[in-house]
Amino acid sequence: MRTTAPRRRARRTLAGAGAAAVLLAGAVTGCGPGGSGDDGVRGAQAAPRWNTAPASIAAVGDSITRGFDACSVLADCPEVSWVTGNDPEVHSLAARLLGEAGVPVRSWNHAVTGSRMADLPGQLAEAAGHKPDLVTVMVGSNDACRPTASSMTPVAEFRAGFERALAGLRAASPTTQVYVSSVPDLQRLWEQGKDDPMVRKIWSLGICQSMLADPLSAASGSTARREQVRARVVEYNEVLREVCAKDALCRYDGGAVFQYPFGADQLSRWDWFHPGKEGQARLAELAHRQVTAAEPPR
């Protein structure tokens, strides 16, 4: 008996629906050719695992990652960078993970002195071109270090910039791990140098005026300004933590850099604000400890 075209179409539709139902059932139960239900469920739920031994590293961020003022006045010194430097006294993160011979061929520094969060998407786009196993992020100090406290980057803008930067990285290099350092406690840095006349003179040239202007002033306005800057840094760090937590391959340092008790010995002898060589070494040590840990900091 001859089947009409409408009836044939109906049968094909039913057959397609039946096949879809079988596939859907297999996806839900995990049953399918060559696998058990339990294996399918475990595979669907498994999250990407953090690699504690990345074989290539890119760095993005600001003057800290460029080693600014660590070797000479008003100059970058990438050879002592906590991420990609080759100075044996610093023993950078790259040197610890890749070995000294691996630093020049499998690490890249795209940080730029003076950068703020708004610059991070572009830096991460450059870093993604290398398809690195790991990229380190340290940014936010310049968003808080502004001519005035009122000109600090708004928190919502800071968040949007970080979300955009991570999304861009994920689109370009989905498997790259991200290690995010917290923003340093700028008020602690003020406390380290405020009583030294020479330091105060250097700071007056324009370094982080939102925090360092009138360093000896105990007037209510000055005190409130410094507290406002510190509070903004705390808010930035909370943004870094929250946004990073949404990415299975992003690890925030748990506030390790913010909480580290940087003293005079760890600061630049030229500006008493940026990390000197000793400070860069401590940053490398903190990062290596956390990148190689089986679990992220709590």
Foldseek 3Di string as FASTA:
>chain_A
DDDDPVVVVVVVVVVVVVVVVVVVVCQVQVDDPPDHSVVSVCVVPDFDAADLQWQAEEEEEAQLQQQALQPHDRDGDNLLGQAQHLDPLLCHLCCVRHNSVSRVPRYYYQYYHLDALQCLLVSLLVVLVSLGQEYEYEHDPNLLLDQANVNRDDLVNSLVSVLNSVVSSCVSRVNHAYEYEAHAQQLLLLVQPLVPPVLLVLVVVRTSNLQNPPSVDPDPVNVVSNVSSRVVSVSSRVSVVVSQVVRSRYAYQQCCRHPDNDHQVQCRPRNSRHGHSNVSSVVRVSVSVQSNDSDGDD
